[in-house]
Every structure is written in structure tokens, then in C-alpha cells.
């Protein structure tokens, strides 16, 4: 299970770092220009805090995998992470419109990749949370 947590940790850190490129990749300067200042700044601030939370989850997975698996606090954190990533999976499947990716090779690949990644994260953390990961 430690190996899974280490892989997840690396993936989360890379995902968090990728958030730096979101504004340029998604053309936020142009796309958000019509929003009021508060809404525009909220997009940037919330993205930064999501990136920070994902980064810190990744660091925890890399630096304390045994604690996550073998301690009551670690299993409680794993339950929270399973809920977080499970909710993210539901958003991936039920909130994002298929119009965003259907018929587009790169976007479809990313949709499938991230769906599988969220399933993997959710499953590993759920297994740990149940105490069956050790």
C-alpha cells in the first residue's frame, strides 16, 4: 500500500504544479475579462488553494504513507481523502458536459485519464480507510 501512496503522492504534486499553467492554457485573461473583479480574483485564489491542498495531500502521501495506513488518524485522513476524490470523480462523470470532450481526441484522452486517476485515488484511500490496506 505504501507504494500506491507514493505513486499517488507524486501524481498529486504534479497535478498541483500543473495548476500554475491553467490560466494561460484556458485563456483566463480573455475568458474571465467579462467578470467583475471579485469573481475574477476568486477563480485565481480558489485555483491556488485547490492546488495547495492537492500539493499538501501529495506531500503527506510521500512523507507519511505508513502513518496513513497504520494509525487511526491516518485512516481518518484517508477517509476524508476518499470522500474528496470520490466527489471529484462524480463531478468528472456527472457535472462536466460530454460536449467538452466528445469527438476531440486530446480532450477525450484527458477525460478518460482523469476519470481513471480519480477512481484510483478514491479506491486506494477507501481501502486504507476501511483498515484493509495494511
C-alpha atoms as a PDB file:
ATOM      1  CA  UNK A   1       0.000   0.000   0.000  1.00  0.00           C
ATOM      2  CA  UNK A   2       2.914   2.340   0.661  1.00  0.00           C
ATOM      3  CA  UNK A   3       3.932   2.068  -2.995  1.00  0.00           C
ATOM      4  CA  UNK A   4       0.421   3.126  -4.059  1.00  0.00           C
ATOM      5  CA  UNK A   5       0.573   6.117  -1.710  1.00  0.00           C
ATOM      6  CA  UNK A   6       3.973   7.125  -3.031  1.00  0.00           C
ATOM      7  CA  UNK A   7       2.687   6.980  -6.629  1.00  0.00           C
ATOM      8  CA  UNK A   8      -0.401   8.943  -5.646  1.00  0.00           C
ATOM      9  CA  UNK A   9       1.788  11.471  -3.838  1.00  0.00           C
ATOM     10  CA  UNK A  10       3.901  12.080  -6.926  1.00  0.00           C
ATOM     11  CA  UNK A  11       0.780  12.315  -9.114  1.00  0.00           C
ATOM     12  CA  UNK A  12      -0.820  14.826  -6.746  1.00  0.00           C
ATOM     13  CA  UNK A  13       2.275  17.002  -6.588  1.00  0.00           C
ATOM     14  CA  UNK A  14       2.495  17.040 -10.385  1.00  0.00           C
ATOM     15  CA  UNK A  15      -1.217  17.817 -10.608  1.00  0.00           C
ATOM     16  CA  UNK A  16      -0.831  20.668  -8.127  1.00  0.00           C
ATOM     17  CA  UNK A  17       2.095  22.113 -10.075  1.00  0.00           C
ATOM     18  CA  UNK A  18       0.098  21.878 -13.309  1.00  0.00           C
ATOM     19  CA  UNK A  19      -2.360  24.401 -11.845  1.00  0.00           C
ATOM     20  CA  UNK A  20       0.265  27.089 -12.482  1.00  0.00           C
ATOM     21  CA  UNK A  21      -0.397  26.703 -16.213  1.00  0.00           C
ATOM     22  CA  UNK A  22      -4.220  26.733 -16.048  1.00  0.00           C
ATOM     23  CA  UNK A  23      -4.725  30.500 -16.538  1.00  0.00           C
ATOM     24  CA  UNK A  24      -2.673  30.577 -19.732  1.00  0.00           C
ATOM     25  CA  UNK A  25      -3.848  27.207 -21.107  1.00  0.00           C
ATOM     26  CA  UNK A  26      -7.525  28.026 -20.567  1.00  0.00           C
ATOM     27  CA  UNK A  27      -7.107  31.655 -21.667  1.00  0.00           C
ATOM     28  CA  UNK A  28      -8.415  33.095 -18.421  1.00  0.00           C
ATOM     29  CA  UNK A  29      -7.278  36.634 -19.188  1.00  0.00           C
ATOM     30  CA  UNK A  30      -9.680  36.760 -22.127  1.00  0.00           C
ATOM     31  CA  UNK A  31     -12.322  34.340 -20.839  1.00  0.00           C
ATOM     32  CA  UNK A  32     -12.702  35.998 -17.434  1.00  0.00           C
ATOM     33  CA  UNK A  33     -12.473  39.596 -18.669  1.00  0.00           C
ATOM     34  CA  UNK A  34     -16.258  39.989 -18.529  1.00  0.00           C
ATOM     35  CA  UNK A  35     -16.452  39.009 -14.859  1.00  0.00           C
ATOM     36  CA  UNK A  36     -16.366  41.533 -12.068  1.00  0.00           C
ATOM     37  CA  UNK A  37     -13.072  41.897 -10.202  1.00  0.00           C
ATOM     38  CA  UNK A  38     -14.193  39.786  -7.237  1.00  0.00           C
ATOM     39  CA  UNK A  39     -15.330  36.836  -9.382  1.00  0.00           C
ATOM     40  CA  UNK A  40     -12.171  37.024 -11.495  1.00  0.00           C
ATOM     41  CA  UNK A  41      -9.904  37.065  -8.447  1.00  0.00           C
ATOM     42  CA  UNK A  42     -11.915  34.268  -6.834  1.00  0.00           C
ATOM     43  CA  UNK A  43     -11.090  31.988  -9.795  1.00  0.00           C
ATOM     44  CA  UNK A  44      -7.373  32.578  -9.301  1.00  0.00           C
ATOM     45  CA  UNK A  45      -7.474  32.347  -5.494  1.00  0.00           C
ATOM     46  CA  UNK A  46      -9.613  29.197  -5.396  1.00  0.00           C
ATOM     47  CA  UNK A  47      -7.435  27.554  -8.013  1.00  0.00           C
ATOM     48  CA  UNK A  48      -4.355  28.368  -5.938  1.00  0.00           C
ATOM     49  CA  UNK A  49      -5.899  26.952  -2.773  1.00  0.00           C
ATOM     50  CA  UNK A  50      -7.033  23.779  -4.540  1.00  0.00           C
ATOM     51  CA  UNK A  51      -3.505  23.396  -5.879  1.00  0.00           C
ATOM     52  CA  UNK A  52      -2.096  23.931  -2.376  1.00  0.00           C
ATOM     53  CA  UNK A  53      -4.477  21.353  -0.856  1.00  0.00           C
ATOM     54  CA  UNK A  54      -3.633  18.778  -3.534  1.00  0.00           C
ATOM     55  CA  UNK A  55       0.086  19.515  -3.117  1.00  0.00           C
ATOM     56  CA  UNK A  56      -0.108  19.020   0.653  1.00  0.00           C
ATOM     57  CA  UNK A  57      -2.063  15.768   0.232  1.00  0.00           C
ATOM     58  CA  UNK A  58       0.672  14.598  -2.112  1.00  0.00           C
ATOM     59  CA  UNK A  59       3.416  15.561   0.346  1.00  0.00           C
ATOM     60  CA  UNK A  60       1.588  13.676   3.110  1.00  0.00           C
ATOM     61  CA  UNK A  61       1.306  10.578   0.914  1.00  0.00           C
ATOM     62  CA  UNK A  62       5.031  10.735   0.136  1.00  0.00           C
ATOM     63  CA  UNK A  63       6.304  11.507   3.620  1.00  0.00           C
ATOM     64  CA  UNK A  64       3.956   9.504   5.855  1.00  0.00           C
ATOM     65  CA  UNK A  65       2.498   6.540   3.939  1.00  0.00           C
ATOM     66  CA  UNK A  66       2.906   4.162   6.878  1.00  0.00           C
ATOM     67  CA  UNK A  67       1.146   6.581   9.222  1.00  0.00           C
ATOM     68  CA  UNK A  68      -1.764   6.904   6.781  1.00  0.00           C
ATOM     69  CA  UNK A  69      -2.166   3.132   6.613  1.00  0.00           C
ATOM     70  CA  UNK A  70      -1.435   2.056  10.179  1.00  0.00           C
ATOM     71  CA  UNK A  71      -2.809   4.734  12.504  1.00  0.00           C
ATOM     72  CA  UNK A  72      -6.392   5.690  13.368  1.00  0.00           C
ATOM     73  CA  UNK A  73      -5.683   9.329  12.451  1.00  0.00           C
ATOM     74  CA  UNK A  74      -4.162   8.221   9.146  1.00  0.00           C
ATOM     75  CA  UNK A  75      -7.219   6.099   8.306  1.00  0.00           C
ATOM     76  CA  UNK A  76      -9.476   9.031   9.214  1.00  0.00           C
ATOM     77  CA  UNK A  77      -7.484  11.282   6.874  1.00  0.00           C
ATOM     78  CA  UNK A  78      -7.704   8.570   4.209  1.00  0.00           C
ATOM     79  CA  UNK A  79     -11.492   8.555   4.628  1.00  0.00           C
ATOM     80  CA  UNK A  80     -11.550  12.313   4.077  1.00  0.00           C
ATOM     81  CA  UNK A  81      -9.326  11.938   1.016  1.00  0.00           C
ATOM     82  CA  UNK A  82     -11.566   9.156  -0.335  1.00  0.00           C
ATOM     83  CA  UNK A  83     -14.589  11.429   0.040  1.00  0.00           C
ATOM     84  CA  UNK A  84     -12.742  14.355  -1.584  1.00  0.00           C
ATOM     85  CA  UNK A  85     -11.582  12.323  -4.594  1.00  0.00           C
ATOM     86  CA  UNK A  86     -14.870  10.433  -4.805  1.00  0.00           C
ATOM     87  CA  UNK A  87     -16.673  13.774  -5.096  1.00  0.00           C
ATOM     88  CA  UNK A  88     -14.157  14.846  -7.733  1.00  0.00           C
ATOM     89  CA  UNK A  89     -14.901  11.630  -9.633  1.00  0.00           C
ATOM     90  CA  UNK A  90     -18.647  12.347  -9.514  1.00  0.00           C
ATOM     91  CA  UNK A  91     -18.012  15.834 -10.900  1.00  0.00           C
ATOM     92  CA  UNK A  92     -15.903  14.331 -13.693  1.00  0.00           C
ATOM     93  CA  UNK A  93     -18.715  11.968 -14.674  1.00  0.00           C
ATOM     94  CA  UNK A  94     -21.902  13.891 -13.940  1.00  0.00           C
ATOM     95  CA  UNK A  95     -21.095  17.619 -13.970  1.00  0.00           C
ATOM     96  CA  UNK A  96     -18.689  18.208 -16.855  1.00  0.00           C
ATOM     97  CA  UNK A  97     -20.608  18.116 -20.106  1.00  0.00           C
ATOM     98  CA  UNK A  98     -19.558  15.488 -22.661  1.00  0.00           C
ATOM     99  CA  UNK A  99     -19.600  18.394 -25.149  1.00  0.00           C
ATOM    100  CA  UNK A 100     -16.263  19.408 -23.616  1.00  0.00           C
ATOM    101  CA  UNK A 101     -14.518  16.218 -24.740  1.00  0.00           C
ATOM    102  CA  UNK A 102     -16.649  14.066 -27.022  1.00  0.00           C
ATOM    103  CA  UNK A 103     -15.260  13.925 -30.564  1.00  0.00           C
ATOM    104  CA  UNK A 104     -11.984  15.575 -29.543  1.00  0.00           C
ATOM    105  CA  UNK A 105      -9.061  13.168 -29.295  1.00  0.00           C
ATOM    106  CA  UNK A 106      -6.902  15.004 -26.722  1.00  0.00           C
ATOM    107  CA  UNK A 107      -9.829  16.063 -24.522  1.00  0.00           C
ATOM    108  CA  UNK A 108     -11.304  12.553 -24.611  1.00  0.00           C
ATOM    109  CA  UNK A 109      -7.951  11.059 -23.609  1.00  0.00           C
ATOM    110  CA  UNK A 110      -7.684  13.553 -20.737  1.00  0.00           C
ATOM    111  CA  UNK A 111     -11.266  12.822 -19.641  1.00  0.00           C
ATOM    112  CA  UNK A 112     -10.592   9.076 -19.559  1.00  0.00           C
ATOM    113  CA  UNK A 113      -7.177   9.503 -17.911  1.00  0.00           C
ATOM    114  CA  UNK A 114      -8.516  11.733 -15.136  1.00  0.00           C
ATOM    115  CA  UNK A 115     -11.585   9.545 -14.611  1.00  0.00           C
ATOM    116  CA  UNK A 116      -9.277   6.560 -14.079  1.00  0.00           C
ATOM    117  CA  UNK A 117      -6.971   8.612 -11.859  1.00  0.00           C
ATOM    118  CA  UNK A 118      -9.857   9.747  -9.630  1.00  0.00           C
ATOM    119  CA  UNK A 119     -11.101   6.132  -9.420  1.00  0.00           C
ATOM    120  CA  UNK A 120      -7.610   5.009  -8.389  1.00  0.00           C
ATOM    121  CA  UNK A 121      -7.212   7.749  -5.764  1.00  0.00           C
ATOM    122  CA  UNK A 122     -10.689   7.097  -4.358  1.00  0.00           C
ATOM    123  CA  UNK A 123     -10.241   3.329  -4.244  1.00  0.00           C
ATOM    124  CA  UNK A 124      -6.838   3.385  -2.549  1.00  0.00           C
ATOM    125  CA  UNK A 125      -7.942   5.874   0.098  1.00  0.00           C
ATOM    126  CA  UNK A 126     -11.195   3.965   0.680  1.00  0.00           C
ATOM    127  CA  UNK A 127      -9.282   0.710   1.158  1.00  0.00           C
ATOM    128  CA  UNK A 128      -6.974   2.404   3.647  1.00  0.00           C
ATOM    129  CA  UNK A 129      -9.922   3.997   5.473  1.00  0.00           C
ATOM    130  CA  UNK A 130     -11.548   0.588   5.996  1.00  0.00           C
ATOM    131  CA  UNK A 131      -8.372  -0.712   7.632  1.00  0.00           C
ATOM    132  CA  UNK A 132      -7.866  -3.328   4.926  1.00  0.00           C
ATOM    133  CA  UNK A 133      -4.877  -1.549   3.396  1.00  0.00           C
ATOM    134  CA  UNK A 134      -2.300  -2.793   5.856  1.00  0.00           C
END
